[in-house]
Amino acid sequence: KVYLLHVPEVLSYTTTMVWGLGVVN
């Protein structure tokens, strides 16, 4: 089994994510 974990963080700058996802402000 693989556990995929995401921890939502506050970023100090705009960035683009992979897998065709958009920009996080």
PDBML (XML) file of the C-alpha atoms, coordinates in Angstrom:
<?xml version="1.0" encoding="UTF-8" ?>
<PDBx:datablock datablockName="MODEL"
   xmlns:PDBx="http://pdbml.pdb.org/schema/pdbx-v50.xsd"
   xmlns:xsi="http://www.w3.org/2001/XMLSchema-instance"
   xsi:schemaLocation="http://pdbml.pdb.org/schema/pdbx-v50.xsd pdbx-v50.xsd">
   <PDBx:atom_siteCategory>
      <PDBx:atom_site id="1">
         <PDBx:B_iso_or_equiv>0.00</PDBx:B_iso_or_equiv>
         <PDBx:Cartn_x>0.000</PDBx:Cartn_x>
         <PDBx:Cartn_y>0.000</PDBx:Cartn_y>
         <PDBx:Cartn_z>0.000</PDBx:Cartn_z>
         <PDBx:auth_asym_id>A</PDBx:auth_asym_id>
         <PDBx:auth_atom_id>CA</PDBx:auth_atom_id>
         <PDBx:auth_comp_id>LYS</PDBx:auth_comp_id>
         <PDBx:auth_seq_id>1</PDBx:auth_seq_id>
         <PDBx:group_PDB>ATOM</PDBx:group_PDB>
         <PDBx:label_alt_id xsi:nil="true" />
         <PDBx:label_asym_id>A</PDBx:label_asym_id>
         <PDBx:label_atom_id>CA</PDBx:label_atom_id>
         <PDBx:label_comp_id>LYS</PDBx:label_comp_id>
         <PDBx:label_entity_id>1</PDBx:label_entity_id>
         <PDBx:label_seq_id>1</PDBx:label_seq_id>
         <PDBx:occupancy>1.00</PDBx:occupancy>
         <PDBx:pdbx_PDB_model_num>1</PDBx:pdbx_PDB_model_num>
         <PDBx:type_symbol>C</PDBx:type_symbol>
      </PDBx:atom_site>
      <PDBx:atom_site id="2">
         <PDBx:B_iso_or_equiv>0.00</PDBx:B_iso_or_equiv>
         <PDBx:Cartn_x>1.046</PDBx:Cartn_x>
         <PDBx:Cartn_y>3.550</PDBx:Cartn_y>
         <PDBx:Cartn_z>-0.716</PDBx:Cartn_z>
         <PDBx:auth_asym_id>A</PDBx:auth_asym_id>
         <PDBx:auth_atom_id>CA</PDBx:auth_atom_id>
         <PDBx:auth_comp_id>VAL</PDBx:auth_comp_id>
         <PDBx:auth_seq_id>2</PDBx:auth_seq_id>
         <PDBx:group_PDB>ATOM</PDBx:group_PDB>
         <PDBx:label_alt_id xsi:nil="true" />
         <PDBx:label_asym_id>A</PDBx:label_asym_id>
         <PDBx:label_atom_id>CA</PDBx:label_atom_id>
         <PDBx:label_comp_id>VAL</PDBx:label_comp_id>
         <PDBx:label_entity_id>1</PDBx:label_entity_id>
         <PDBx:label_seq_id>2</PDBx:label_seq_id>
         <PDBx:occupancy>1.00</PDBx:occupancy>
         <PDBx:pdbx_PDB_model_num>1</PDBx:pdbx_PDB_model_num>
         <PDBx:type_symbol>C</PDBx:type_symbol>
      </PDBx:atom_site>
      <PDBx:atom_site id="3">
         <PDBx:B_iso_or_equiv>0.00</PDBx:B_iso_or_equiv>
         <PDBx:Cartn_x>-0.308</PDBx:Cartn_x>
         <PDBx:Cartn_y>6.339</PDBx:Cartn_y>
         <PDBx:Cartn_z>1.481</PDBx:Cartn_z>
         <PDBx:auth_asym_id>A</PDBx:auth_asym_id>
         <PDBx:auth_atom_id>CA</PDBx:auth_atom_id>
         <PDBx:auth_comp_id>TYR</PDBx:auth_comp_id>
         <PDBx:auth_seq_id>3</PDBx:auth_seq_id>
         <PDBx:group_PDB>ATOM</PDBx:group_PDB>
         <PDBx:label_alt_id xsi:nil="true" />
         <PDBx:label_asym_id>A</PDBx:label_asym_id>
         <PDBx:label_atom_id>CA</PDBx:label_atom_id>
         <PDBx:label_comp_id>TYR</PDBx:label_comp_id>
         <PDBx:label_entity_id>1</PDBx:label_entity_id>
         <PDBx:label_seq_id>3</PDBx:label_seq_id>
         <PDBx:occupancy>1.00</PDBx:occupancy>
         <PDBx:pdbx_PDB_model_num>1</PDBx:pdbx_PDB_model_num>
         <PDBx:type_symbol>C</PDBx:type_symbol>
      </PDBx:atom_site>
      <PDBx:atom_site id="4">
         <PDBx:B_iso_or_equiv>0.00</PDBx:B_iso_or_equiv>
         <PDBx:Cartn_x>-0.491</PDBx:Cartn_x>
         <PDBx:Cartn_y>9.688</PDBx:Cartn_y>
         <PDBx:Cartn_z>-0.285</PDBx:Cartn_z>
         <PDBx:auth_asym_id>A</PDBx:auth_asym_id>
         <PDBx:auth_atom_id>CA</PDBx:auth_atom_id>
         <PDBx:auth_comp_id>LEU</PDBx:auth_comp_id>
         <PDBx:auth_seq_id>4</PDBx:auth_seq_id>
         <PDBx:group_PDB>ATOM</PDBx:group_PDB>
         <PDBx:label_alt_id xsi:nil="true" />
         <PDBx:label_asym_id>A</PDBx:label_asym_id>
         <PDBx:label_atom_id>CA</PDBx:label_atom_id>
         <PDBx:label_comp_id>LEU</PDBx:label_comp_id>
         <PDBx:label_entity_id>1</PDBx:label_entity_id>
         <PDBx:label_seq_id>4</PDBx:label_seq_id>
         <PDBx:occupancy>1.00</PDBx:occupancy>
         <PDBx:pdbx_PDB_model_num>1</PDBx:pdbx_PDB_model_num>
         <PDBx:type_symbol>C</PDBx:type_symbol>
      </PDBx:atom_site>
      <PDBx:atom_site id="5">
         <PDBx:B_iso_or_equiv>0.00</PDBx:B_iso_or_equiv>
         <PDBx:Cartn_x>-0.532</PDBx:Cartn_x>
         <PDBx:Cartn_y>12.572</PDBx:Cartn_y>
         <PDBx:Cartn_z>2.189</PDBx:Cartn_z>
         <PDBx:auth_asym_id>A</PDBx:auth_asym_id>
         <PDBx:auth_atom_id>CA</PDBx:auth_atom_id>
         <PDBx:auth_comp_id>LEU</PDBx:auth_comp_id>
         <PDBx:auth_seq_id>5</PDBx:auth_seq_id>
         <PDBx:group_PDB>ATOM</PDBx:group_PDB>
         <PDBx:label_alt_id xsi:nil="true" />
         <PDBx:label_asym_id>A</PDBx:label_asym_id>
         <PDBx:label_atom_id>CA</PDBx:label_atom_id>
         <PDBx:label_comp_id>LEU</PDBx:label_comp_id>
         <PDBx:label_entity_id>1</PDBx:label_entity_id>
         <PDBx:label_seq_id>5</PDBx:label_seq_id>
         <PDBx:occupancy>1.00</PDBx:occupancy>
         <PDBx:pdbx_PDB_model_num>1</PDBx:pdbx_PDB_model_num>
         <PDBx:type_symbol>C</PDBx:type_symbol>
      </PDBx:atom_site>
      <PDBx:atom_site id="6">
         <PDBx:B_iso_or_equiv>0.00</PDBx:B_iso_or_equiv>
         <PDBx:Cartn_x>-1.206</PDBx:Cartn_x>
         <PDBx:Cartn_y>16.225</PDBx:Cartn_y>
         <PDBx:Cartn_z>1.517</PDBx:Cartn_z>
         <PDBx:auth_asym_id>A</PDBx:auth_asym_id>
         <PDBx:auth_atom_id>CA</PDBx:auth_atom_id>
         <PDBx:auth_comp_id>HIS</PDBx:auth_comp_id>
         <PDBx:auth_seq_id>6</PDBx:auth_seq_id>
         <PDBx:group_PDB>ATOM</PDBx:group_PDB>
         <PDBx:label_alt_id xsi:nil="true" />
         <PDBx:label_asym_id>A</PDBx:label_asym_id>
         <PDBx:label_atom_id>CA</PDBx:label_atom_id>
         <PDBx:label_comp_id>HIS</PDBx:label_comp_id>
         <PDBx:label_entity_id>1</PDBx:label_entity_id>
         <PDBx:label_seq_id>6</PDBx:label_seq_id>
         <PDBx:occupancy>1.00</PDBx:occupancy>
         <PDBx:pdbx_PDB_model_num>1</PDBx:pdbx_PDB_model_num>
         <PDBx:type_symbol>C</PDBx:type_symbol>
      </PDBx:atom_site>
      <PDBx:atom_site id="7">
         <PDBx:B_iso_or_equiv>0.00</PDBx:B_iso_or_equiv>
         <PDBx:Cartn_x>-0.770</PDBx:Cartn_x>
         <PDBx:Cartn_y>18.923</PDBx:Cartn_y>
         <PDBx:Cartn_z>4.163</PDBx:Cartn_z>
         <PDBx:auth_asym_id>A</PDBx:auth_asym_id>
         <PDBx:auth_atom_id>CA</PDBx:auth_atom_id>
         <PDBx:auth_comp_id>VAL</PDBx:auth_comp_id>
         <PDBx:auth_seq_id>7</PDBx:auth_seq_id>
         <PDBx:group_PDB>ATOM</PDBx:group_PDB>
         <PDBx:label_alt_id xsi:nil="true" />
         <PDBx:label_asym_id>A</PDBx:label_asym_id>
         <PDBx:label_atom_id>CA</PDBx:label_atom_id>
         <PDBx:label_comp_id>VAL</PDBx:label_comp_id>
         <PDBx:label_entity_id>1</PDBx:label_entity_id>
         <PDBx:label_seq_id>7</PDBx:label_seq_id>
         <PDBx:occupancy>1.00</PDBx:occupancy>
         <PDBx:pdbx_PDB_model_num>1</PDBx:pdbx_PDB_model_num>
         <PDBx:type_symbol>C</PDBx:type_symbol>
      </PDBx:atom_site>
      <PDBx:atom_site id="8">
         <PDBx:B_iso_or_equiv>0.00</PDBx:B_iso_or_equiv>
         <PDBx:Cartn_x>-2.361</PDBx:Cartn_x>
         <PDBx:Cartn_y>22.188</PDBx:Cartn_y>
         <PDBx:Cartn_z>2.974</PDBx:Cartn_z>
         <PDBx:auth_asym_id>A</PDBx:auth_asym_id>
         <PDBx:auth_atom_id>CA</PDBx:auth_atom_id>
         <PDBx:auth_comp_id>PRO</PDBx:auth_comp_id>
         <PDBx:auth_seq_id>8</PDBx:auth_seq_id>
         <PDBx:group_PDB>ATOM</PDBx:group_PDB>
         <PDBx:label_alt_id xsi:nil="true" />
         <PDBx:label_asym_id>A</PDBx:label_asym_id>
         <PDBx:label_atom_id>CA</PDBx:label_atom_id>
         <PDBx:label_comp_id>PRO</PDBx:label_comp_id>
         <PDBx:label_entity_id>1</PDBx:label_entity_id>
         <PDBx:label_seq_id>8</PDBx:label_seq_id>
         <PDBx:occupancy>1.00</PDBx:occupancy>
         <PDBx:pdbx_PDB_model_num>1</PDBx:pdbx_PDB_model_num>
         <PDBx:type_symbol>C</PDBx:type_symbol>
      </PDBx:atom_site>
      <PDBx:atom_site id="9">
         <PDBx:B_iso_or_equiv>0.00</PDBx:B_iso_or_equiv>
         <PDBx:Cartn_x>0.114</PDBx:Cartn_x>
         <PDBx:Cartn_y>24.995</PDBx:Cartn_y>
         <PDBx:Cartn_z>3.566</PDBx:Cartn_z>
         <PDBx:auth_asym_id>A</PDBx:auth_asym_id>
         <PDBx:auth_atom_id>CA</PDBx:auth_atom_id>
         <PDBx:auth_comp_id>GLU</PDBx:auth_comp_id>
         <PDBx:auth_seq_id>9</PDBx:auth_seq_id>
         <PDBx:group_PDB>ATOM</PDBx:group_PDB>
         <PDBx:label_alt_id xsi:nil="true" />
         <PDBx:label_asym_id>A</PDBx:label_asym_id>
         <PDBx:label_atom_id>CA</PDBx:label_atom_id>
         <PDBx:label_comp_id>GLU</PDBx:label_comp_id>
         <PDBx:label_entity_id>1</PDBx:label_entity_id>
         <PDBx:label_seq_id>9</PDBx:label_seq_id>
         <PDBx:occupancy>1.00</PDBx:occupancy>
         <PDBx:pdbx_PDB_model_num>1</PDBx:pdbx_PDB_model_num>
         <PDBx:type_symbol>C</PDBx:type_symbol>
      </PDBx:atom_site>
      <PDBx:atom_site id="10">
         <PDBx:B_iso_or_equiv>0.00</PDBx:B_iso_or_equiv>
         <PDBx:Cartn_x>0.003</PDBx:Cartn_x>
         <PDBx:Cartn_y>28.757</PDBx:Cartn_y>
         <PDBx:Cartn_z>3.341</PDBx:Cartn_z>
         <PDBx:auth_asym_id>A</PDBx:auth_asym_id>
         <PDBx:auth_atom_id>CA</PDBx:auth_atom_id>
         <PDBx:auth_comp_id>VAL</PDBx:auth_comp_id>
         <PDBx:auth_seq_id>10</PDBx:auth_seq_id>
         <PDBx:group_PDB>ATOM</PDBx:group_PDB>
         <PDBx:label_alt_id xsi:nil="true" />
         <PDBx:label_asym_id>A</PDBx:label_asym_id>
         <PDBx:label_atom_id>CA</PDBx:label_atom_id>
         <PDBx:label_comp_id>VAL</PDBx:label_comp_id>
         <PDBx:label_entity_id>1</PDBx:label_entity_id>
         <PDBx:label_seq_id>10</PDBx:label_seq_id>
         <PDBx:occupancy>1.00</PDBx:occupancy>
         <PDBx:pdbx_PDB_model_num>1</PDBx:pdbx_PDB_model_num>
         <PDBx:type_symbol>C</PDBx:type_symbol>
      </PDBx:atom_site>
      <PDBx:atom_site id="11">
         <PDBx:B_iso_or_equiv>0.00</PDBx:B_iso_or_equiv>
         <PDBx:Cartn_x>2.517</PDBx:Cartn_x>
         <PDBx:Cartn_y>29.789</PDBx:Cartn_y>
         <PDBx:Cartn_z>0.698</PDBx:Cartn_z>
         <PDBx:auth_asym_id>A</PDBx:auth_asym_id>
         <PDBx:auth_atom_id>CA</PDBx:auth_atom_id>
         <PDBx:auth_comp_id>LEU</PDBx:auth_comp_id>
         <PDBx:auth_seq_id>11</PDBx:auth_seq_id>
         <PDBx:group_PDB>ATOM</PDBx:group_PDB>
         <PDBx:label_alt_id xsi:nil="true" />
         <PDBx:label_asym_id>A</PDBx:label_asym_id>
         <PDBx:label_atom_id>CA</PDBx:label_atom_id>
         <PDBx:label_comp_id>LEU</PDBx:label_comp_id>
         <PDBx:label_entity_id>1</PDBx:label_entity_id>
         <PDBx:label_seq_id>11</PDBx:label_seq_id>
         <PDBx:occupancy>1.00</PDBx:occupancy>
         <PDBx:pdbx_PDB_model_num>1</PDBx:pdbx_PDB_model_num>
         <PDBx:type_symbol>C</PDBx:type_symbol>
      </PDBx:atom_site>
      <PDBx:atom_site id="12">
         <PDBx:B_iso_or_equiv>0.00</PDBx:B_iso_or_equiv>
         <PDBx:Cartn_x>4.135</PDBx:Cartn_x>
         <PDBx:Cartn_y>33.200</PDBx:Cartn_y>
         <PDBx:Cartn_z>0.629</PDBx:Cartn_z>
         <PDBx:auth_asym_id>A</PDBx:auth_asym_id>
         <PDBx:auth_atom_id>CA</PDBx:auth_atom_id>
         <PDBx:auth_comp_id>SER</PDBx:auth_comp_id>
         <PDBx:auth_seq_id>12</PDBx:auth_seq_id>
         <PDBx:group_PDB>ATOM</PDBx:group_PDB>
         <PDBx:label_alt_id xsi:nil="true" />
         <PDBx:label_asym_id>A</PDBx:label_asym_id>
         <PDBx:label_atom_id>CA</PDBx:label_atom_id>
         <PDBx:label_comp_id>SER</PDBx:label_comp_id>
         <PDBx:label_entity_id>1</PDBx:label_entity_id>
         <PDBx:label_seq_id>12</PDBx:label_seq_id>
         <PDBx:occupancy>1.00</PDBx:occupancy>
         <PDBx:pdbx_PDB_model_num>1</PDBx:pdbx_PDB_model_num>
         <PDBx:type_symbol>C</PDBx:type_symbol>
      </PDBx:atom_site>
      <PDBx:atom_site id="13">
         <PDBx:B_iso_or_equiv>0.00</PDBx:B_iso_or_equiv>
         <PDBx:Cartn_x>4.135</PDBx:Cartn_x>
         <PDBx:Cartn_y>33.359</PDBx:Cartn_y>
         <PDBx:Cartn_z>-3.172</PDBx:Cartn_z>
         <PDBx:auth_asym_id>A</PDBx:auth_asym_id>
         <PDBx:auth_atom_id>CA</PDBx:auth_atom_id>
         <PDBx:auth_comp_id>TYR</PDBx:auth_comp_id>
         <PDBx:auth_seq_id>13</PDBx:auth_seq_id>
         <PDBx:group_PDB>ATOM</PDBx:group_PDB>
         <PDBx:label_alt_id xsi:nil="true" />
         <PDBx:label_asym_id>A</PDBx:label_asym_id>
         <PDBx:label_atom_id>CA</PDBx:label_atom_id>
         <PDBx:label_comp_id>TYR</PDBx:label_comp_id>
         <PDBx:label_entity_id>1</PDBx:label_entity_id>
         <PDBx:label_seq_id>13</PDBx:label_seq_id>
         <PDBx:occupancy>1.00</PDBx:occupancy>
         <PDBx:pdbx_PDB_model_num>1</PDBx:pdbx_PDB_model_num>
         <PDBx:type_symbol>C</PDBx:type_symbol>
      </PDBx:atom_site>
      <PDBx:atom_site id="14">
         <PDBx:B_iso_or_equiv>0.00</PDBx:B_iso_or_equiv>
         <PDBx:Cartn_x>2.081</PDBx:Cartn_x>
         <PDBx:Cartn_y>32.174</PDBx:Cartn_y>
         <PDBx:Cartn_z>-6.168</PDBx:Cartn_z>
         <PDBx:auth_asym_id>A</PDBx:auth_asym_id>
         <PDBx:auth_atom_id>CA</PDBx:auth_atom_id>
         <PDBx:auth_comp_id>THR</PDBx:auth_comp_id>
         <PDBx:auth_seq_id>14</PDBx:auth_seq_id>
         <PDBx:group_PDB>ATOM</PDBx:group_PDB>
         <PDBx:label_alt_id xsi:nil="true" />
         <PDBx:label_asym_id>A</PDBx:label_asym_id>
         <PDBx:label_atom_id>CA</PDBx:label_atom_id>
         <PDBx:label_comp_id>THR</PDBx:label_comp_id>
         <PDBx:label_entity_id>1</PDBx:label_entity_id>
         <PDBx:label_seq_id>14</PDBx:label_seq_id>
         <PDBx:occupancy>1.00</PDBx:occupancy>
         <PDBx:pdbx_PDB_model_num>1</PDBx:pdbx_PDB_model_num>
         <PDBx:type_symbol>C</PDBx:type_symbol>
      </PDBx:atom_site>
      <PDBx:atom_site id="15">
         <PDBx:B_iso_or_equiv>0.00</PDBx:B_iso_or_equiv>
         <PDBx:Cartn_x>3.152</PDBx:Cartn_x>
         <PDBx:Cartn_y>28.796</PDBx:Cartn_y>
         <PDBx:Cartn_z>-7.536</PDBx:Cartn_z>
         <PDBx:auth_asym_id>A</PDBx:auth_asym_id>
         <PDBx:auth_atom_id>CA</PDBx:auth_atom_id>
         <PDBx:auth_comp_id>THR</PDBx:auth_comp_id>
         <PDBx:auth_seq_id>15</PDBx:auth_seq_id>
         <PDBx:group_PDB>ATOM</PDBx:group_PDB>
         <PDBx:label_alt_id xsi:nil="true" />
         <PDBx:label_asym_id>A</PDBx:label_asym_id>
         <PDBx:label_atom_id>CA</PDBx:label_atom_id>
         <PDBx:label_comp_id>THR</PDBx:label_comp_id>
         <PDBx:label_entity_id>1</PDBx:label_entity_id>
         <PDBx:label_seq_id>15</PDBx:label_seq_id>
         <PDBx:occupancy>1.00</PDBx:occupancy>
         <PDBx:pdbx_PDB_model_num>1</PDBx:pdbx_PDB_model_num>
         <PDBx:type_symbol>C</PDBx:type_symbol>
      </PDBx:atom_site>
      <PDBx:atom_site id="16">
         <PDBx:B_iso_or_equiv>0.00</PDBx:B_iso_or_equiv>
         <PDBx:Cartn_x>2.082</PDBx:Cartn_x>
         <PDBx:Cartn_y>26.317</PDBx:Cartn_y>
         <PDBx:Cartn_z>-10.203</PDBx:Cartn_z>
         <PDBx:auth_asym_id>A</PDBx:auth_asym_id>
         <PDBx:auth_atom_id>CA</PDBx:auth_atom_id>
         <PDBx:auth_comp_id>THR</PDBx:auth_comp_id>
         <PDBx:auth_seq_id>16</PDBx:auth_seq_id>
         <PDBx:group_PDB>ATOM</PDBx:group_PDB>
         <PDBx:label_alt_id xsi:nil="true" />
         <PDBx:label_asym_id>A</PDBx:label_asym_id>
         <PDBx:label_atom_id>CA</PDBx:label_atom_id>
         <PDBx:label_comp_id>THR</PDBx:label_comp_id>
         <PDBx:label_entity_id>1</PDBx:label_entity_id>
         <PDBx:label_seq_id>16</PDBx:label_seq_id>
         <PDBx:occupancy>1.00</PDBx:occupancy>
         <PDBx:pdbx_PDB_model_num>1</PDBx:pdbx_PDB_model_num>
         <PDBx:type_symbol>C</PDBx:type_symbol>
      </PDBx:atom_site>
      <PDBx:atom_site id="17">
         <PDBx:B_iso_or_equiv>0.00</PDBx:B_iso_or_equiv>
         <PDBx:Cartn_x>1.510</PDBx:Cartn_x>
         <PDBx:Cartn_y>22.665</PDBx:Cartn_y>
         <PDBx:Cartn_z>-9.346</PDBx:Cartn_z>
         <PDBx:auth_asym_id>A</PDBx:auth_asym_id>
         <PDBx:auth_atom_id>CA</PDBx:auth_atom_id>
         <PDBx:auth_comp_id>MET</PDBx:auth_comp_id>
         <PDBx:auth_seq_id>17</PDBx:auth_seq_id>
         <PDBx:group_PDB>ATOM</PDBx:group_PDB>
         <PDBx:label_alt_id xsi:nil="true" />
         <PDBx:label_asym_id>A</PDBx:label_asym_id>
         <PDBx:label_atom_id>CA</PDBx:label_atom_id>
         <PDBx:label_comp_id>MET</PDBx:label_comp_id>
         <PDBx:label_entity_id>1</PDBx:label_entity_id>
         <PDBx:label_seq_id>17</PDBx:label_seq_id>
         <PDBx:occupancy>1.00</PDBx:occupancy>
         <PDBx:pdbx_PDB_model_num>1</PDBx:pdbx_PDB_model_num>
         <PDBx:type_symbol>C</PDBx:type_symbol>
      </PDBx:atom_site>
      <PDBx:atom_site id="18">
         <PDBx:B_iso_or_equiv>0.00</PDBx:B_iso_or_equiv>
         <PDBx:Cartn_x>2.106</PDBx:Cartn_x>
         <PDBx:Cartn_y>19.555</PDBx:Cartn_y>
         <PDBx:Cartn_z>-11.486</PDBx:Cartn_z>
         <PDBx:auth_asym_id>A</PDBx:auth_asym_id>
         <PDBx:auth_atom_id>CA</PDBx:auth_atom_id>
         <PDBx:auth_comp_id>VAL</PDBx:auth_comp_id>
         <PDBx:auth_seq_id>18</PDBx:auth_seq_id>
         <PDBx:group_PDB>ATOM</PDBx:group_PDB>
         <PDBx:label_alt_id xsi:nil="true" />
         <PDBx:label_asym_id>A</PDBx:label_asym_id>
         <PDBx:label_atom_id>CA</PDBx:label_atom_id>
         <PDBx:label_comp_id>VAL</PDBx:label_comp_id>
         <PDBx:label_entity_id>1</PDBx:label_entity_id>
         <PDBx:label_seq_id>18</PDBx:label_seq_id>
         <PDBx:occupancy>1.00</PDBx:occupancy>
         <PDBx:pdbx_PDB_model_num>1</PDBx:pdbx_PDB_model_num>
         <PDBx:type_symbol>C</PDBx:type_symbol>
      </PDBx:atom_site>
      <PDBx:atom_site id="19">
         <PDBx:B_iso_or_equiv>0.00</PDBx:B_iso_or_equiv>
         <PDBx:Cartn_x>-0.400</PDBx:Cartn_x>
         <PDBx:Cartn_y>16.994</PDBx:Cartn_y>
         <PDBx:Cartn_z>-12.846</PDBx:Cartn_z>
         <PDBx:auth_asym_id>A</PDBx:auth_asym_id>
         <PDBx:auth_atom_id>CA</PDBx:auth_atom_id>
         <PDBx:auth_comp_id>TRP</PDBx:auth_comp_id>
         <PDBx:auth_seq_id>19</PDBx:auth_seq_id>
         <PDBx:group_PDB>ATOM</PDBx:group_PDB>
         <PDBx:label_alt_id xsi:nil="true" />
         <PDBx:label_asym_id>A</PDBx:label_asym_id>
         <PDBx:label_atom_id>CA</PDBx:label_atom_id>
         <PDBx:label_comp_id>TRP</PDBx:label_comp_id>
         <PDBx:label_entity_id>1</PDBx:label_entity_id>
         <PDBx:label_seq_id>19</PDBx:label_seq_id>
         <PDBx:occupancy>1.00</PDBx:occupancy>
         <PDBx:pdbx_PDB_model_num>1</PDBx:pdbx_PDB_model_num>
         <PDBx:type_symbol>C</PDBx:type_symbol>
      </PDBx:atom_site>
      <PDBx:atom_site id="20">
         <PDBx:B_iso_or_equiv>0.00</PDBx:B_iso_or_equiv>
         <PDBx:Cartn_x>-2.138</PDBx:Cartn_x>
         <PDBx:Cartn_y>19.686</PDBx:Cartn_y>
         <PDBx:Cartn_z>-14.875</PDBx:Cartn_z>
         <PDBx:auth_asym_id>A</PDBx:auth_asym_id>
         <PDBx:auth_atom_id>CA</PDBx:auth_atom_id>
         <PDBx:auth_comp_id>GLY</PDBx:auth_comp_id>
         <PDBx:auth_seq_id>20</PDBx:auth_seq_id>
         <PDBx:group_PDB>ATOM</PDBx:group_PDB>
         <PDBx:label_alt_id xsi:nil="true" />
         <PDBx:label_asym_id>A</PDBx:label_asym_id>
         <PDBx:label_atom_id>CA</PDBx:label_atom_id>
         <PDBx:label_comp_id>GLY</PDBx:label_comp_id>
         <PDBx:label_entity_id>1</PDBx:label_entity_id>
         <PDBx:label_seq_id>20</PDBx:label_seq_id>
         <PDBx:occupancy>1.00</PDBx:occupancy>
         <PDBx:pdbx_PDB_model_num>1</PDBx:pdbx_PDB_model_num>
         <PDBx:type_symbol>C</PDBx:type_symbol>
      </PDBx:atom_site>
      <PDBx:atom_site id="21">
         <PDBx:B_iso_or_equiv>0.00</PDBx:B_iso_or_equiv>
         <PDBx:Cartn_x>-3.278</PDBx:Cartn_x>
         <PDBx:Cartn_y>21.572</PDBx:Cartn_y>
         <PDBx:Cartn_z>-11.788</PDBx:Cartn_z>
         <PDBx:auth_asym_id>A</PDBx:auth_asym_id>
         <PDBx:auth_atom_id>CA</PDBx:auth_atom_id>
         <PDBx:auth_comp_id>LEU</PDBx:auth_comp_id>
         <PDBx:auth_seq_id>21</PDBx:auth_seq_id>
         <PDBx:group_PDB>ATOM</PDBx:group_PDB>
         <PDBx:label_alt_id xsi:nil="true" />
         <PDBx:label_asym_id>A</PDBx:label_asym_id>
         <PDBx:label_atom_id>CA</PDBx:label_atom_id>
         <PDBx:label_comp_id>LEU</PDBx:label_comp_id>
         <PDBx:label_entity_id>1</PDBx:label_entity_id>
         <PDBx:label_seq_id>21</PDBx:label_seq_id>
         <PDBx:occupancy>1.00</PDBx:occupancy>
         <PDBx:pdbx_PDB_model_num>1</PDBx:pdbx_PDB_model_num>
         <PDBx:type_symbol>C</PDBx:type_symbol>
      </PDBx:atom_site>
      <PDBx:atom_site id="22">
         <PDBx:B_iso_or_equiv>0.00</PDBx:B_iso_or_equiv>
         <PDBx:Cartn_x>-3.441</PDBx:Cartn_x>
         <PDBx:Cartn_y>25.332</PDBx:Cartn_y>
         <PDBx:Cartn_z>-11.766</PDBx:Cartn_z>
         <PDBx:auth_asym_id>A</PDBx:auth_asym_id>
         <PDBx:auth_atom_id>CA</PDBx:auth_atom_id>
         <PDBx:auth_comp_id>GLY</PDBx:auth_comp_id>
         <PDBx:auth_seq_id>22</PDBx:auth_seq_id>
         <PDBx:group_PDB>ATOM</PDBx:group_PDB>
         <PDBx:label_alt_id xsi:nil="true" />
         <PDBx:label_asym_id>A</PDBx:label_asym_id>
         <PDBx:label_atom_id>CA</PDBx:label_atom_id>
         <PDBx:label_comp_id>GLY</PDBx:label_comp_id>
         <PDBx:label_entity_id>1</PDBx:label_entity_id>
         <PDBx:label_seq_id>22</PDBx:label_seq_id>
         <PDBx:occupancy>1.00</PDBx:occupancy>
         <PDBx:pdbx_PDB_model_num>1</PDBx:pdbx_PDB_model_num>
         <PDBx:type_symbol>C</PDBx:type_symbol>
      </PDBx:atom_site>
      <PDBx:atom_site id="23">
         <PDBx:B_iso_or_equiv>0.00</PDBx:B_iso_or_equiv>
         <PDBx:Cartn_x>-1.861</PDBx:Cartn_x>
         <PDBx:Cartn_y>28.023</PDBx:Cartn_y>
         <PDBx:Cartn_z>-9.709</PDBx:Cartn_z>
         <PDBx:auth_asym_id>A</PDBx:auth_asym_id>
         <PDBx:auth_atom_id>CA</PDBx:auth_atom_id>
         <PDBx:auth_comp_id>VAL</PDBx:auth_comp_id>
         <PDBx:auth_seq_id>23</PDBx:auth_seq_id>
         <PDBx:group_PDB>ATOM</PDBx:group_PDB>
         <PDBx:label_alt_id xsi:nil="true" />
         <PDBx:label_asym_id>A</PDBx:label_asym_id>
         <PDBx:label_atom_id>CA</PDBx:label_atom_id>
         <PDBx:label_comp_id>VAL</PDBx:label_comp_id>
         <PDBx:label_entity_id>1</PDBx:label_entity_id>
         <PDBx:label_seq_id>23</PDBx:label_seq_id>
         <PDBx:occupancy>1.00</PDBx:occupancy>
         <PDBx:pdbx_PDB_model_num>1</PDBx:pdbx_PDB_model_num>
         <PDBx:type_symbol>C</PDBx:type_symbol>
      </PDBx:atom_site>
      <PDBx:atom_site id="24">
         <PDBx:B_iso_or_equiv>0.00</PDBx:B_iso_or_equiv>
         <PDBx:Cartn_x>-2.106</PDBx:Cartn_x>
         <PDBx:Cartn_y>28.275</PDBx:Cartn_y>
         <PDBx:Cartn_z>-5.919</PDBx:Cartn_z>
         <PDBx:auth_asym_id>A</PDBx:auth_asym_id>
         <PDBx:auth_atom_id>CA</PDBx:auth_atom_id>
         <PDBx:auth_comp_id>VAL</PDBx:auth_comp_id>
         <PDBx:auth_seq_id>24</PDBx:auth_seq_id>
         <PDBx:group_PDB>ATOM</PDBx:group_PDB>
         <PDBx:label_alt_id xsi:nil="true" />
         <PDBx:label_asym_id>A</PDBx:label_asym_id>
         <PDBx:label_atom_id>CA</PDBx:label_atom_id>
         <PDBx:label_comp_id>VAL</PDBx:label_comp_id>
         <PDBx:label_entity_id>1</PDBx:label_entity_id>
         <PDBx:label_seq_id>24</PDBx:label_seq_id>
         <PDBx:occupancy>1.00</PDBx:occupancy>
         <PDBx:pdbx_PDB_model_num>1</PDBx:pdbx_PDB_model_num>
         <PDBx:type_symbol>C</PDBx:type_symbol>
      </PDBx:atom_site>
      <PDBx:atom_site id="25">
         <PDBx:B_iso_or_equiv>0.00</PDBx:B_iso_or_equiv>
         <PDBx:Cartn_x>-2.250</PDBx:Cartn_x>
         <PDBx:Cartn_y>31.864</PDBx:Cartn_y>
         <PDBx:Cartn_z>-4.688</PDBx:Cartn_z>
         <PDBx:auth_asym_id>A</PDBx:auth_asym_id>
         <PDBx:auth_atom_id>CA</PDBx:auth_atom_id>
         <PDBx:auth_comp_id>ASN</PDBx:auth_comp_id>
         <PDBx:auth_seq_id>25</PDBx:auth_seq_id>
         <PDBx:group_PDB>ATOM</PDBx:group_PDB>
         <PDBx:label_alt_id xsi:nil="true" />
         <PDBx:label_asym_id>A</PDBx:label_asym_id>
         <PDBx:label_atom_id>CA</PDBx:label_atom_id>
         <PDBx:label_comp_id>ASN</PDBx:label_comp_id>
         <PDBx:label_entity_id>1</PDBx:label_entity_id>
         <PDBx:label_seq_id>25</PDBx:label_seq_id>
         <PDBx:occupancy>1.00</PDBx:occupancy>
         <PDBx:pdbx_PDB_model_num>1</PDBx:pdbx_PDB_model_num>
         <PDBx:type_symbol>C</PDBx:type_symbol>
      </PDBx:atom_site>
   </PDBx:atom_siteCategory>
</PDBx:datablock>
